[in-house]
Amino acid sequence: MTLYKFKIVVVGDYAVGKTTLIINYTEKTFRGMYIPTVGVQFTKNTFKLDGNEVELTIWDITGQEKFAKVRKTFYENAAGFIIVYDLTRKSTLENIINWYKDVLEITDNIPCVVIGNKNDLKSKREINTDNISKVIEKKKMNINVKFETSAKTGENVNQGFNSLIQQLINK
């Protein structure tokens, strides 16, 4: 069995559910109370995926604008990125290009997955499935893996994270 060690960074606007996604992925729980991330938090998790052992360090980077100048220092040595937007706030989809540009300043050839979170809030949804593909194509973003998730129900959370890990293993 091969041991893979990866640092992945989760970015996106404030209150899109980055921390909640990470908690759902690592602890299989949902915490309904919103507590903004200040600066950065990280979680370490070791598990098996497709016969491989994976030691994953997930860096949860604040989306608050006042931390923009220091954010990129936390990107160093990242193997991959997850860019999260909120399906109930159209502005967060429009901002994924800014997050992607931040990533490109570190390296232009790093695996990225885009996750639209809060899929469970159907009545509040502002973004349809075609919107994300159009934004990615229009902005010429080199991303071909995208998921709609619900950190509350767990829908597609594992698939989003595991698809990035699989890209890293296959790289």
N, C-alpha and C. Protein backbone atom coordinates (compact mmCIF):
# COMPACT_ATOMS: atom_id res chain seq x y z
N MET A 1 0.85 -1.19 0.00
CA MET A 1 0.00 0.00 0.00
C MET A 1 0.89 1.24 0.00
N THR A 2 0.58 2.15 -0.89
CA THR A 2 1.35 3.39 -1.01
C THR A 2 0.76 4.46 -0.11
N LEU A 3 1.64 5.23 0.55
CA LEU A 3 1.20 6.36 1.37
C LEU A 3 1.40 7.64 0.58
N TYR A 4 0.34 8.40 0.41
CA TYR A 4 0.40 9.70 -0.26
C TYR A 4 0.14 10.78 0.78
N LYS A 5 0.95 11.83 0.74
CA LYS A 5 0.76 12.97 1.64
C LYS A 5 0.49 14.21 0.79
N PHE A 6 -0.65 14.86 1.05
CA PHE A 6 -1.03 16.03 0.28
C PHE A 6 -1.49 17.17 1.18
N LYS A 7 -1.18 18.36 0.76
CA LYS A 7 -1.76 19.57 1.35
C LYS A 7 -2.71 20.13 0.30
N ILE A 8 -3.99 20.26 0.67
CA ILE A 8 -4.93 20.92 -0.22
C ILE A 8 -5.46 22.16 0.48
N VAL A 9 -5.79 23.15 -0.31
CA VAL A 9 -6.26 24.43 0.21
C VAL A 9 -7.68 24.66 -0.29
N VAL A 10 -8.57 25.03 0.62
CA VAL A 10 -9.96 25.31 0.29
C VAL A 10 -10.17 26.82 0.38
N VAL A 11 -10.60 27.41 -0.75
CA VAL A 11 -10.78 28.86 -0.83
C VAL A 11 -12.17 29.19 -1.36
N GLY A 12 -12.56 30.44 -1.17
CA GLY A 12 -13.85 30.93 -1.65
C GLY A 12 -14.28 32.10 -0.79
N ASP A 13 -15.32 32.79 -1.24
CA ASP A 13 -15.83 33.94 -0.50
C ASP A 13 -16.26 33.54 0.91
N TYR A 14 -16.44 34.56 1.76
CA TYR A 14 -16.89 34.31 3.13
C TYR A 14 -18.28 33.67 3.11
N ALA A 15 -18.54 32.79 4.05
CA ALA A 15 -19.86 32.19 4.29
C ALA A 15 -20.38 31.32 3.15
N VAL A 16 -19.48 30.77 2.32
CA VAL A 16 -19.94 29.84 1.28
C VAL A 16 -20.04 28.41 1.80
N GLY A 17 -19.47 28.17 2.99
CA GLY A 17 -19.55 26.85 3.60
C GLY A 17 -18.27 26.03 3.52
N LYS A 18 -17.13 26.71 3.39
CA LYS A 18 -15.84 25.99 3.29
C LYS A 18 -15.59 25.14 4.53
N THR A 19 -15.69 25.75 5.70
CA THR A 19 -15.42 25.03 6.94
C THR A 19 -16.41 23.88 7.13
N THR A 20 -17.67 24.13 6.84
CA THR A 20 -18.70 23.11 7.00
C THR A 20 -18.46 21.93 6.05
N LEU A 21 -18.02 22.22 4.83
CA LEU A 21 -17.66 21.14 3.89
C LEU A 21 -16.52 20.29 4.45
N ILE A 22 -15.51 20.96 4.97
CA ILE A 22 -14.35 20.24 5.52
C ILE A 22 -14.76 19.38 6.70
N ILE A 23 -15.58 19.93 7.59
CA ILE A 23 -16.06 19.16 8.75
C ILE A 23 -16.89 17.97 8.29
N ASN A 24 -17.75 18.18 7.30
CA ASN A 24 -18.55 17.07 6.79
C ASN A 24 -17.65 15.98 6.21
N TYR A 25 -16.63 16.39 5.46
CA TYR A 25 -15.72 15.42 4.84
C TYR A 25 -14.89 14.65 5.87
N THR A 26 -14.37 15.35 6.85
CA THR A 26 -13.44 14.72 7.80
C THR A 26 -14.14 14.08 8.99
N GLU A 27 -15.26 14.65 9.43
CA GLU A 27 -15.93 14.16 10.64
C GLU A 27 -17.30 13.56 10.38
N LYS A 28 -17.79 13.70 9.16
CA LYS A 28 -19.12 13.19 8.77
C LYS A 28 -20.23 13.76 9.63
N THR A 29 -20.08 15.04 9.99
CA THR A 29 -21.11 15.72 10.78
C THR A 29 -21.41 17.08 10.16
N PHE A 30 -22.50 17.68 10.62
CA PHE A 30 -22.90 19.02 10.18
C PHE A 30 -23.07 19.89 11.42
N ARG A 31 -22.43 21.03 11.40
CA ARG A 31 -22.60 22.01 12.47
C ARG A 31 -23.31 23.21 11.87
N GLY A 32 -24.52 23.44 12.34
CA GLY A 32 -25.36 24.46 11.74
C GLY A 32 -25.03 25.90 12.09
N MET A 33 -24.21 26.12 13.10
CA MET A 33 -23.92 27.48 13.53
C MET A 33 -22.74 28.05 12.73
N TYR A 34 -22.93 29.24 12.17
CA TYR A 34 -21.87 29.88 11.38
C TYR A 34 -20.89 30.61 12.28
N ILE A 35 -19.63 30.19 12.20
CA ILE A 35 -18.54 30.88 12.90
C ILE A 35 -17.49 31.18 11.84
N PRO A 36 -17.27 32.46 11.54
CA PRO A 36 -16.32 32.80 10.47
C PRO A 36 -14.90 32.35 10.81
N THR A 37 -14.20 31.88 9.79
CA THR A 37 -12.79 31.53 9.95
C THR A 37 -11.98 32.81 10.01
N VAL A 38 -11.11 32.90 10.98
CA VAL A 38 -10.22 34.06 11.09
C VAL A 38 -8.84 33.60 10.66
N GLY A 39 -8.38 34.12 9.54
CA GLY A 39 -7.07 33.74 9.02
C GLY A 39 -7.11 32.38 8.36
N VAL A 40 -6.66 31.36 9.08
CA VAL A 40 -6.57 30.02 8.51
C VAL A 40 -6.78 28.98 9.61
N GLN A 41 -7.38 27.86 9.24
CA GLN A 41 -7.47 26.70 10.11
C GLN A 41 -7.01 25.51 9.28
N PHE A 42 -6.44 24.52 9.92
CA PHE A 42 -6.13 23.32 9.15
C PHE A 42 -6.50 22.06 9.89
N THR A 43 -6.80 21.04 9.12
CA THR A 43 -7.24 19.75 9.62
C THR A 43 -6.38 18.68 8.99
N LYS A 44 -5.98 17.71 9.78
CA LYS A 44 -5.21 16.58 9.26
C LYS A 44 -6.07 15.33 9.35
N ASN A 45 -6.03 14.53 8.30
CA ASN A 45 -6.86 13.34 8.24
C ASN A 45 -6.11 12.25 7.48
N THR A 46 -6.10 11.04 8.01
CA THR A 46 -5.49 9.91 7.31
C THR A 46 -6.57 8.87 7.06
N PHE A 47 -6.62 8.35 5.83
CA PHE A 47 -7.66 7.41 5.44
C PHE A 47 -7.20 6.60 4.24
N LYS A 48 -8.00 5.61 3.88
CA LYS A 48 -7.72 4.79 2.70
C LYS A 48 -8.66 5.21 1.57
N LEU A 49 -8.08 5.27 0.36
CA LEU A 49 -8.87 5.60 -0.83
C LEU A 49 -8.37 4.74 -1.97
N ASP A 50 -9.24 3.89 -2.48
CA ASP A 50 -8.91 3.01 -3.61
C ASP A 50 -7.62 2.23 -3.38
N GLY A 51 -7.46 1.68 -2.18
CA GLY A 51 -6.30 0.85 -1.88
C GLY A 51 -5.04 1.61 -1.53
N ASN A 52 -5.12 2.93 -1.46
CA ASN A 52 -3.97 3.75 -1.08
C ASN A 52 -4.24 4.40 0.26
N GLU A 53 -3.18 4.63 1.02
CA GLU A 53 -3.31 5.39 2.26
C GLU A 53 -3.00 6.85 1.94
N VAL A 54 -3.87 7.73 2.41
CA VAL A 54 -3.74 9.15 2.12
C VAL A 54 -3.66 9.91 3.44
N GLU A 55 -2.62 10.72 3.57
CA GLU A 55 -2.50 11.64 4.70
C GLU A 55 -2.76 13.03 4.13
N LEU A 56 -3.88 13.59 4.51
CA LEU A 56 -4.35 14.83 3.91
C LEU A 56 -4.34 15.95 4.94
N THR A 57 -3.71 17.04 4.60
CA THR A 57 -3.80 18.25 5.41
C THR A 57 -4.63 19.24 4.61
N ILE A 58 -5.76 19.64 5.18
CA ILE A 58 -6.69 20.55 4.50
C ILE A 58 -6.58 21.91 5.16
N TRP A 59 -6.22 22.91 4.37
CA TRP A 59 -6.11 24.28 4.85
C TRP A 59 -7.38 25.03 4.47
N ASP A 60 -8.04 25.57 5.47
CA ASP A 60 -9.29 26.32 5.33
C ASP A 60 -8.92 27.80 5.42
N ILE A 61 -8.96 28.49 4.29
CA ILE A 61 -8.51 29.88 4.22
C ILE A 61 -9.72 30.81 4.30
N THR A 62 -9.62 31.83 5.12
CA THR A 62 -10.72 32.78 5.26
C THR A 62 -11.05 33.45 3.93
N GLY A 63 -12.32 33.72 3.74
CA GLY A 63 -12.75 34.43 2.54
C GLY A 63 -12.95 35.91 2.78
N GLN A 64 -12.70 36.35 4.01
CA GLN A 64 -12.90 37.76 4.34
C GLN A 64 -11.85 38.62 3.63
N GLU A 65 -12.31 39.68 3.02
CA GLU A 65 -11.45 40.53 2.19
C GLU A 65 -10.31 41.16 2.98
N LYS A 66 -10.52 41.43 4.26
CA LYS A 66 -9.47 42.09 5.04
C LYS A 66 -8.22 41.22 5.21
N PHE A 67 -8.32 39.92 4.88
CA PHE A 67 -7.17 39.03 4.97
C PHE A 67 -6.55 38.73 3.60
N ALA A 68 -6.99 39.45 2.57
CA ALA A 68 -6.56 39.15 1.20
C ALA A 68 -5.04 39.19 1.02
N LYS A 69 -4.37 40.12 1.66
CA LYS A 69 -2.92 40.27 1.48
C LYS A 69 -2.12 39.10 2.05
N VAL A 70 -2.62 38.47 3.09
CA VAL A 70 -1.86 37.38 3.71
C VAL A 70 -2.29 35.99 3.23
N ARG A 71 -3.43 35.91 2.58
CA ARG A 71 -3.97 34.60 2.16
C ARG A 71 -2.97 33.77 1.36
N LYS A 72 -2.34 34.39 0.39
CA LYS A 72 -1.49 33.64 -0.54
C LYS A 72 -0.29 33.00 0.14
N THR A 73 0.10 33.51 1.30
CA THR A 73 1.22 32.89 2.01
C THR A 73 0.87 31.47 2.45
N PHE A 74 -0.42 31.21 2.63
CA PHE A 74 -0.86 29.88 3.05
C PHE A 74 -0.97 28.90 1.89
N TYR A 75 -0.84 29.39 0.65
CA TYR A 75 -0.95 28.53 -0.53
C TYR A 75 0.33 27.74 -0.79
N GLU A 76 1.43 28.16 -0.18
CA GLU A 76 2.73 27.54 -0.45
C GLU A 76 2.70 26.03 -0.20
N ASN A 77 3.29 25.29 -1.11
CA ASN A 77 3.39 23.83 -1.06
C ASN A 77 2.06 23.10 -1.19
N ALA A 78 1.03 23.78 -1.66
CA ALA A 78 -0.25 23.12 -1.87
C ALA A 78 -0.15 22.20 -3.08
N ALA A 79 -0.76 21.03 -2.96
CA ALA A 79 -0.79 20.08 -4.08
C ALA A 79 -2.03 20.30 -4.94
N GLY A 80 -3.09 20.87 -4.34
CA GLY A 80 -4.33 21.09 -5.07
C GLY A 80 -5.22 22.07 -4.33
N PHE A 81 -6.24 22.55 -5.04
CA PHE A 81 -7.16 23.54 -4.49
C PHE A 81 -8.60 23.13 -4.73
N ILE A 82 -9.45 23.49 -3.77
CA ILE A 82 -10.90 23.42 -3.95
C ILE A 82 -11.40 24.84 -3.84
N ILE A 83 -12.10 25.29 -4.87
CA ILE A 83 -12.68 26.63 -4.90
C ILE A 83 -14.18 26.47 -4.69
N VAL A 84 -14.70 27.09 -3.63
CA VAL A 84 -16.10 26.91 -3.23
C VAL A 84 -16.89 28.19 -3.49
N TYR A 85 -18.10 28.02 -4.02
CA TYR A 85 -19.04 29.13 -4.13
C TYR A 85 -20.38 28.67 -3.55
N ASP A 86 -21.27 29.63 -3.33
CA ASP A 86 -22.56 29.39 -2.68
C ASP A 86 -23.65 29.44 -3.74
N LEU A 87 -24.38 28.35 -3.92
CA LEU A 87 -25.43 28.29 -4.93
C LEU A 87 -26.56 29.27 -4.68
N THR A 88 -26.62 29.85 -3.47
CA THR A 88 -27.69 30.81 -3.15
C THR A 88 -27.21 32.26 -3.26
N ARG A 89 -25.95 32.48 -3.68
CA ARG A 89 -25.42 33.84 -3.83
C ARG A 89 -24.64 33.94 -5.14
N LYS A 90 -25.25 34.54 -6.14
CA LYS A 90 -24.65 34.61 -7.48
C LYS A 90 -23.29 35.29 -7.47
N SER A 91 -23.10 36.26 -6.62
CA SER A 91 -21.82 36.99 -6.57
C SER A 91 -20.66 36.05 -6.25
N THR A 92 -20.91 34.99 -5.50
CA THR A 92 -19.82 34.07 -5.15
C THR A 92 -19.36 33.25 -6.35
N LEU A 93 -20.27 32.98 -7.28
CA LEU A 93 -19.88 32.31 -8.52
C LEU A 93 -19.02 33.24 -9.36
N GLU A 94 -19.44 34.49 -9.45
CA GLU A 94 -18.68 35.46 -10.24
C GLU A 94 -17.27 35.66 -9.67
N ASN A 95 -17.11 35.48 -8.37
CA ASN A 95 -15.81 35.67 -7.73
C ASN A 95 -14.87 34.47 -7.86
N ILE A 96 -15.36 33.32 -8.36
CA ILE A 96 -14.43 32.18 -8.46
C ILE A 96 -13.28 32.48 -9.40
N ILE A 97 -13.48 33.37 -10.37
CA ILE A 97 -12.38 33.73 -11.26
C ILE A 97 -11.27 34.42 -10.48
N ASN A 98 -11.62 35.25 -9.50
CA ASN A 98 -10.60 35.91 -8.67
C ASN A 98 -9.82 34.89 -7.83
N TRP A 99 -10.54 33.93 -7.29
CA TRP A 99 -9.86 32.87 -6.52
C TRP A 99 -8.95 32.06 -7.42
N TYR A 100 -9.42 31.77 -8.62
CA TYR A 100 -8.62 31.00 -9.58
C TYR A 100 -7.36 31.78 -9.97
N LYS A 101 -7.49 33.08 -10.16
CA LYS A 101 -6.31 33.91 -10.48
C LYS A 101 -5.31 33.87 -9.33
N ASP A 102 -5.79 33.91 -8.10
CA ASP A 102 -4.91 33.78 -6.93
C ASP A 102 -4.11 32.48 -7.00
N VAL A 103 -4.80 31.40 -7.33
CA VAL A 103 -4.15 30.09 -7.43
C VAL A 103 -3.09 30.11 -8.53
N LEU A 104 -3.43 30.72 -9.67
CA LEU A 104 -2.50 30.75 -10.80
C LEU A 104 -1.24 31.54 -10.49
N GLU A 105 -1.31 32.45 -9.54
CA GLU A 105 -0.11 33.20 -9.15
C GLU A 105 0.90 32.28 -8.46
N ILE A 106 0.43 31.19 -7.90
CA ILE A 106 1.31 30.23 -7.24
C ILE A 106 1.87 29.26 -8.28
N THR A 107 1.01 28.74 -9.11
CA THR A 107 1.41 27.81 -10.17
C THR A 107 0.31 27.77 -11.21
N ASP A 108 0.69 27.56 -12.46
CA ASP A 108 -0.33 27.53 -13.51
C ASP A 108 -0.77 26.11 -13.85
N ASN A 109 -0.25 25.13 -13.15
CA ASN A 109 -0.59 23.74 -13.47
C ASN A 109 -0.85 22.96 -12.19
N ILE A 110 -1.90 23.35 -11.49
CA ILE A 110 -2.22 22.67 -10.23
C ILE A 110 -3.67 22.20 -10.29
N PRO A 111 -3.94 20.99 -9.85
CA PRO A 111 -5.31 20.49 -9.89
C PRO A 111 -6.25 21.33 -9.03
N CYS A 112 -7.41 21.64 -9.60
CA CYS A 112 -8.45 22.41 -8.90
C CYS A 112 -9.80 21.74 -9.13
N VAL A 113 -10.62 21.79 -8.11
CA VAL A 113 -12.01 21.35 -8.20
C VAL A 113 -12.86 22.53 -7.76
N VAL A 114 -13.97 22.76 -8.47
CA VAL A 114 -14.91 23.82 -8.11
C VAL A 114 -16.14 23.16 -7.50
N ILE A 115 -16.54 23.66 -6.33
CA ILE A 115 -17.70 23.12 -5.62
C ILE A 115 -18.72 24.23 -5.39
N GLY A 116 -19.94 23.98 -5.85
CA GLY A 116 -21.08 24.84 -5.54
C GLY A 116 -21.78 24.23 -4.34
N ASN A 117 -21.79 24.93 -3.22
CA ASN A 117 -22.32 24.40 -1.97
C ASN A 117 -23.72 24.93 -1.69
N LYS A 118 -24.40 24.28 -0.78
CA LYS A 118 -25.75 24.61 -0.31
C LYS A 118 -26.82 24.17 -1.31
N ASN A 119 -26.59 23.03 -1.93
CA ASN A 119 -27.53 22.46 -2.88
C ASN A 119 -28.87 22.11 -2.23
N ASP A 120 -28.88 21.99 -0.91
CA ASP A 120 -30.11 21.65 -0.20
C ASP A 120 -31.08 22.84 -0.09
N LEU A 121 -30.60 24.06 -0.34
CA LEU A 121 -31.45 25.25 -0.21
C LEU A 121 -32.08 25.61 -1.56
N LYS A 122 -32.87 24.68 -2.08
CA LYS A 122 -33.43 24.80 -3.43
C LYS A 122 -34.24 26.07 -3.64
N SER A 123 -35.03 26.49 -2.66
CA SER A 123 -35.88 27.67 -2.83
C SER A 123 -35.08 28.97 -2.85
N LYS A 124 -33.86 28.95 -2.34
CA LYS A 124 -33.03 30.16 -2.31
C LYS A 124 -31.98 30.18 -3.42
N ARG A 125 -31.97 29.17 -4.22
CA ARG A 125 -30.94 29.01 -5.25
C ARG A 125 -30.99 30.14 -6.28
N GLU A 126 -29.80 30.72 -6.56
CA GLU A 126 -29.67 31.79 -7.56
C GLU A 126 -28.88 31.34 -8.79
N ILE A 127 -28.28 30.16 -8.72
CA ILE A 127 -27.37 29.70 -9.77
C ILE A 127 -27.86 28.36 -10.29
N ASN A 128 -28.02 28.26 -11.62
CA ASN A 128 -28.38 26.95 -12.17
C ASN A 128 -27.13 26.23 -12.65
N THR A 129 -27.28 24.97 -12.95
CA THR A 129 -26.15 24.11 -13.28
C THR A 129 -25.35 24.63 -14.47
N ASP A 130 -26.02 25.20 -15.45
CA ASP A 130 -25.32 25.70 -16.65
C ASP A 130 -24.45 26.92 -16.35
N ASN A 131 -24.82 27.71 -15.33
CA ASN A 131 -24.06 28.93 -15.02
C ASN A 131 -22.59 28.65 -14.77
N ILE A 132 -22.28 27.63 -14.00
CA ILE A 132 -20.88 27.36 -13.65
C ILE A 132 -20.08 26.98 -14.88
N SER A 133 -20.64 26.14 -15.74
CA SER A 133 -19.92 25.75 -16.96
C SER A 133 -19.66 26.95 -17.84
N LYS A 134 -20.64 27.84 -17.93
CA LYS A 134 -20.48 29.05 -18.75
C LYS A 134 -19.38 29.96 -18.20
N VAL A 135 -19.35 30.13 -16.88
CA VAL A 135 -18.32 30.97 -16.27
C VAL A 135 -16.93 30.37 -16.51
N ILE A 136 -16.81 29.07 -16.32
CA ILE A 136 -15.51 28.41 -16.51
C ILE A 136 -15.05 28.53 -17.96
N GLU A 137 -15.97 28.32 -18.91
CA GLU A 137 -15.61 28.44 -20.33
C GLU A 137 -15.29 29.88 -20.71
N LYS A 138 -16.14 30.81 -20.29
CA LYS A 138 -15.96 32.22 -20.65
C LYS A 138 -14.64 32.77 -20.13
N LYS A 139 -14.27 32.40 -18.93
CA LYS A 139 -13.05 32.91 -18.30
C LYS A 139 -11.83 32.05 -18.62
N LYS A 140 -12.04 31.02 -19.46
CA LYS A 140 -10.94 30.13 -19.89
C LYS A 140 -10.19 29.52 -18.69
N MET A 141 -10.97 29.08 -17.72
CA MET A 141 -10.39 28.45 -16.54
C MET A 141 -10.10 26.98 -16.88
N ASN A 142 -8.92 26.52 -16.56
CA ASN A 142 -8.52 25.15 -16.84
C ASN A 142 -9.00 24.21 -15.73
N ILE A 143 -10.32 24.13 -15.60
CA ILE A 143 -10.95 23.29 -14.57
C ILE A 143 -12.01 22.46 -15.25
N ASN A 144 -11.93 21.15 -15.10
CA ASN A 144 -12.95 20.31 -15.71
C ASN A 144 -13.71 19.48 -14.69
N VAL A 145 -13.44 19.69 -13.40
CA VAL A 145 -14.14 18.94 -12.37
C VAL A 145 -14.91 19.91 -11.48
N LYS A 146 -16.23 19.72 -11.46
CA LYS A 146 -17.07 20.59 -10.65
C LYS A 146 -18.20 19.76 -10.04
N PHE A 147 -18.60 20.15 -8.84
CA PHE A 147 -19.63 19.43 -8.12
C PHE A 147 -20.59 20.42 -7.47
N GLU A 148 -21.84 19.98 -7.30
CA GLU A 148 -22.79 20.70 -6.46
C GLU A 148 -22.98 19.84 -5.22
N THR A 149 -22.79 20.47 -4.07
CA THR A 149 -22.80 19.72 -2.81
C THR A 149 -23.77 20.33 -1.81
N SER A 150 -23.99 19.57 -0.76
CA SER A 150 -24.67 20.08 0.43
C SER A 150 -23.86 19.62 1.63
N ALA A 151 -23.22 20.55 2.30
CA ALA A 151 -22.49 20.20 3.51
C ALA A 151 -23.46 19.76 4.61
N LYS A 152 -24.71 20.19 4.50
CA LYS A 152 -25.72 19.82 5.49
C LYS A 152 -26.12 18.35 5.35
N THR A 153 -26.42 17.92 4.12
CA THR A 153 -26.86 16.54 3.90
C THR A 153 -25.70 15.60 3.57
N GLY A 154 -24.57 16.16 3.18
CA GLY A 154 -23.42 15.35 2.77
C GLY A 154 -23.40 15.01 1.29
N GLU A 155 -24.42 15.44 0.56
CA GLU A 155 -24.50 15.12 -0.87
C GLU A 155 -23.26 15.60 -1.63
N ASN A 156 -22.59 14.68 -2.29
CA ASN A 156 -21.42 14.93 -3.16
C ASN A 156 -20.19 15.50 -2.45
N VAL A 157 -20.20 15.60 -1.14
CA VAL A 157 -19.04 16.15 -0.44
C VAL A 157 -17.83 15.23 -0.63
N ASN A 158 -18.00 13.94 -0.35
CA ASN A 158 -16.89 13.00 -0.54
C ASN A 158 -16.41 12.99 -1.98
N GLN A 159 -17.35 13.02 -2.92
CA GLN A 159 -16.98 12.98 -4.33
C GLN A 159 -16.13 14.19 -4.72
N GLY A 160 -16.47 15.36 -4.20
CA GLY A 160 -15.71 16.57 -4.50
C GLY A 160 -14.27 16.48 -4.02
N PHE A 161 -14.10 16.13 -2.75
CA PHE A 161 -12.75 16.02 -2.19
C PHE A 161 -11.99 14.85 -2.82
N ASN A 162 -12.65 13.70 -2.93
CA ASN A 162 -11.97 12.51 -3.44
C ASN A 162 -11.56 12.66 -4.90
N SER A 163 -12.32 13.42 -5.68
CA SER A 163 -11.93 13.62 -7.08
C SER A 163 -10.62 14.40 -7.16
N LEU A 164 -10.45 15.37 -6.27
CA LEU A 164 -9.19 16.11 -6.24
C LEU A 164 -8.05 15.19 -5.80
N ILE A 165 -8.28 14.40 -4.76
CA ILE A 165 -7.24 13.49 -4.28
C ILE A 165 -6.86 12.50 -5.37
N GLN A 166 -7.85 12.00 -6.10
CA GLN A 166 -7.57 11.06 -7.19
C GLN A 166 -6.71 11.72 -8.27
N GLN A 167 -7.00 12.99 -8.59
CA GLN A 167 -6.17 13.73 -9.55
C GLN A 167 -4.73 13.81 -9.05
N LEU A 168 -4.56 14.06 -7.76
CA LEU A 168 -3.22 14.19 -7.19
C LEU A 168 -2.47 12.85 -7.22
N ILE A 169 -3.16 11.78 -6.93
CA ILE A 169 -2.54 10.45 -6.97
C ILE A 169 -2.11 10.11 -8.40
N ASN A 170 -2.95 10.46 -9.36
CA ASN A 170 -2.68 10.13 -10.77
C ASN A 170 -1.70 11.07 -11.45
N LYS A 171 -1.34 12.16 -10.79
CA LYS A 171 -0.48 13.18 -11.40
C LYS A 171 0.93 12.68 -11.65
